[in-house]
């Protein structure tokens, strides 16, 4: 939850296996 709201993110990515950790680490909790 982000500010008492649900948040969904769709992140298109080429070679996502190399980038997914960075994406998850930089998303707000």
PDB file of N, CA and C in Angstrom:
ATOM      1  N   UNK A   1       0.846  -1.181   0.000  1.00  0.00           N
ATOM      2  CA  UNK A   1       0.000   0.000   0.000  1.00  0.00           C
ATOM      3  C   UNK A   1       0.891   1.242   0.000  1.00  0.00           C
ATOM      4  N   UNK A   2       0.459   2.227  -0.727  1.00  0.00           N
ATOM      5  CA  UNK A   2       1.183   3.495  -0.821  1.00  0.00           C
ATOM      6  C   UNK A   2       0.206   4.600  -0.493  1.00  0.00           C
ATOM      7  N   UNK A   3       0.429   5.255   0.632  1.00  0.00           N
ATOM      8  CA  UNK A   3      -0.472   6.321   1.094  1.00  0.00           C
ATOM      9  C   UNK A   3      -1.915   5.825   1.158  1.00  0.00           C
ATOM     10  N   UNK A   4      -2.081   4.629   1.746  1.00  0.00           N
ATOM     11  CA  UNK A   4      -3.383   3.980   1.918  1.00  0.00           C
ATOM     12  C   UNK A   4      -4.083   3.687   0.600  1.00  0.00           C
ATOM     13  N   UNK A   5      -3.330   3.507  -0.464  1.00  0.00           N
ATOM     14  CA  UNK A   5      -3.887   3.147  -1.770  1.00  0.00           C
ATOM     15  C   UNK A   5      -3.099   1.981  -2.336  1.00  0.00           C
ATOM     16  N   UNK A   6      -3.784   1.155  -3.087  1.00  0.00           N
ATOM     17  CA  UNK A   6      -3.090   0.066  -3.769  1.00  0.00           C
ATOM     18  C   UNK A   6      -2.439   0.616  -5.027  1.00  0.00           C
ATOM     19  N   UNK A   7      -1.285   0.080  -5.346  1.00  0.00           N
ATOM     20  CA  UNK A   7      -0.531   0.558  -6.492  1.00  0.00           C
ATOM     21  C   UNK A   7      -0.111  -0.639  -7.335  1.00  0.00           C
ATOM     22  N   UNK A   8      -0.368  -0.573  -8.613  1.00  0.00           N
ATOM     23  CA  UNK A   8       0.092  -1.604  -9.545  1.00  0.00           C
ATOM     24  C   UNK A   8       0.989  -0.932 -10.571  1.00  0.00           C
ATOM     25  N   UNK A   9       2.065  -1.595 -10.908  1.00  0.00           N
ATOM     26  CA  UNK A   9       2.980  -1.032 -11.901  1.00  0.00           C
ATOM     27  C   UNK A   9       3.255  -2.068 -12.980  1.00  0.00           C
ATOM     28  N   UNK A  10       3.135  -1.646 -14.211  1.00  0.00           N
ATOM     29  CA  UNK A  10       3.499  -2.478 -15.355  1.00  0.00           C
ATOM     30  C   UNK A  10       4.721  -1.831 -15.977  1.00  0.00           C
ATOM     31  N   UNK A  11       5.803  -2.573 -15.982  1.00  0.00           N
ATOM     32  CA  UNK A  11       7.068  -2.001 -16.425  1.00  0.00           C
ATOM     33  C   UNK A  11       7.623  -2.842 -17.573  1.00  0.00           C
ATOM     34  N   UNK A  12       7.416  -2.387 -18.814  1.00  0.00           N
ATOM     35  CA  UNK A  12       8.000  -3.126 -19.930  1.00  0.00           C
ATOM     36  C   UNK A  12       9.523  -2.988 -19.903  1.00  0.00           C
ATOM     37  N   UNK A  13      10.208  -4.067 -20.187  1.00  0.00           N
ATOM     38  CA  UNK A  13      11.663  -4.021 -20.084  1.00  0.00           C
ATOM     39  C   UNK A  13      12.278  -5.078 -20.989  1.00  0.00           C
ATOM     40  N   UNK A  14      13.286  -4.714 -21.714  1.00  0.00           N
ATOM     41  CA  UNK A  14      14.057  -5.654 -22.515  1.00  0.00           C
ATOM     42  C   UNK A  14      15.112  -6.274 -21.605  1.00  0.00           C
ATOM     43  N   UNK A  15      15.257  -7.581 -21.648  1.00  0.00           N
ATOM     44  CA  UNK A  15      16.175  -8.305 -20.753  1.00  0.00           C
ATOM     45  C   UNK A  15      15.839  -8.016 -19.295  1.00  0.00           C
ATOM     46  N   UNK A  16      14.575  -8.215 -18.950  1.00  0.00           N
ATOM     47  CA  UNK A  16      14.113  -7.855 -17.608  1.00  0.00           C
ATOM     48  C   UNK A  16      14.852  -8.577 -16.496  1.00  0.00           C
ATOM     49  N   UNK A  17      15.407  -9.744 -16.776  1.00  0.00           N
ATOM     50  CA  UNK A  17      16.124 -10.467 -15.720  1.00  0.00           C
ATOM     51  C   UNK A  17      17.338  -9.695 -15.220  1.00  0.00           C
ATOM     52  N   UNK A  18      17.852  -8.769 -16.012  1.00  0.00           N
ATOM     53  CA  UNK A  18      19.003  -7.978 -15.568  1.00  0.00           C
ATOM     54  C   UNK A  18      18.586  -6.685 -14.879  1.00  0.00           C
ATOM     55  N   UNK A  19      17.324  -6.273 -15.026  1.00  0.00           N
ATOM     56  CA  UNK A  19      16.881  -4.978 -14.513  1.00  0.00           C
ATOM     57  C   UNK A  19      15.860  -5.065 -13.381  1.00  0.00           C
ATOM     58  N   UNK A  20      15.223  -6.223 -13.183  1.00  0.00           N
ATOM     59  CA  UNK A  20      14.098  -6.302 -12.256  1.00  0.00           C
ATOM     60  C   UNK A  20      14.498  -5.968 -10.820  1.00  0.00           C
ATOM     61  N   UNK A  21      15.698  -6.337 -10.403  1.00  0.00           N
ATOM     62  CA  UNK A  21      16.122  -6.020  -9.034  1.00  0.00           C
ATOM     63  C   UNK A  21      16.164  -4.509  -8.820  1.00  0.00           C
ATOM     64  N   UNK A  22      16.705  -3.772  -9.760  1.00  0.00           N
ATOM     65  CA  UNK A  22      16.772  -2.316  -9.652  1.00  0.00           C
ATOM     66  C   UNK A  22      15.370  -1.710  -9.615  1.00  0.00           C
ATOM     67  N   UNK A  23      14.472  -2.217 -10.439  1.00  0.00           N
ATOM     68  CA  UNK A  23      13.099  -1.705 -10.474  1.00  0.00           C
ATOM     69  C   UNK A  23      12.417  -1.925  -9.126  1.00  0.00           C
ATOM     70  N   UNK A  24      12.513  -3.124  -8.595  1.00  0.00           N
ATOM     71  CA  UNK A  24      11.865  -3.434  -7.315  1.00  0.00           C
ATOM     72  C   UNK A  24      12.492  -2.630  -6.183  1.00  0.00           C
ATOM     73  N   UNK A  25      13.805  -2.493  -6.185  1.00  0.00           N
ATOM     74  CA  UNK A  25      14.486  -1.749  -5.120  1.00  0.00           C
ATOM     75  C   UNK A  25      14.122  -0.265  -5.109  1.00  0.00           C
ATOM     76  N   UNK A  26      13.780   0.301  -6.263  1.00  0.00           N
ATOM     77  CA  UNK A  26      13.504   1.736  -6.323  1.00  0.00           C
ATOM     78  C   UNK A  26      12.021   2.083  -6.246  1.00  0.00           C
ATOM     79  N   UNK A  27      11.150   1.078  -6.157  1.00  0.00           N
ATOM     80  CA  UNK A  27       9.713   1.347  -6.018  1.00  0.00           C
ATOM     81  C   UNK A  27       9.398   1.722  -4.573  1.00  0.00           C
ATOM     82  N   UNK A  28       8.480   2.655  -4.356  1.00  0.00           N
ATOM     83  CA  UNK A  28       8.092   2.997  -2.978  1.00  0.00           C
ATOM     84  C   UNK A  28       7.358   1.839  -2.323  1.00  0.00           C
ATOM     85  N   UNK A  29       7.483   1.723  -1.010  1.00  0.00           N
ATOM     86  CA  UNK A  29       6.796   0.652  -0.280  1.00  0.00           C
ATOM     87  C   UNK A  29       5.450   1.114   0.186  1.00  0.00           C
TER      88      UNK A  29
END
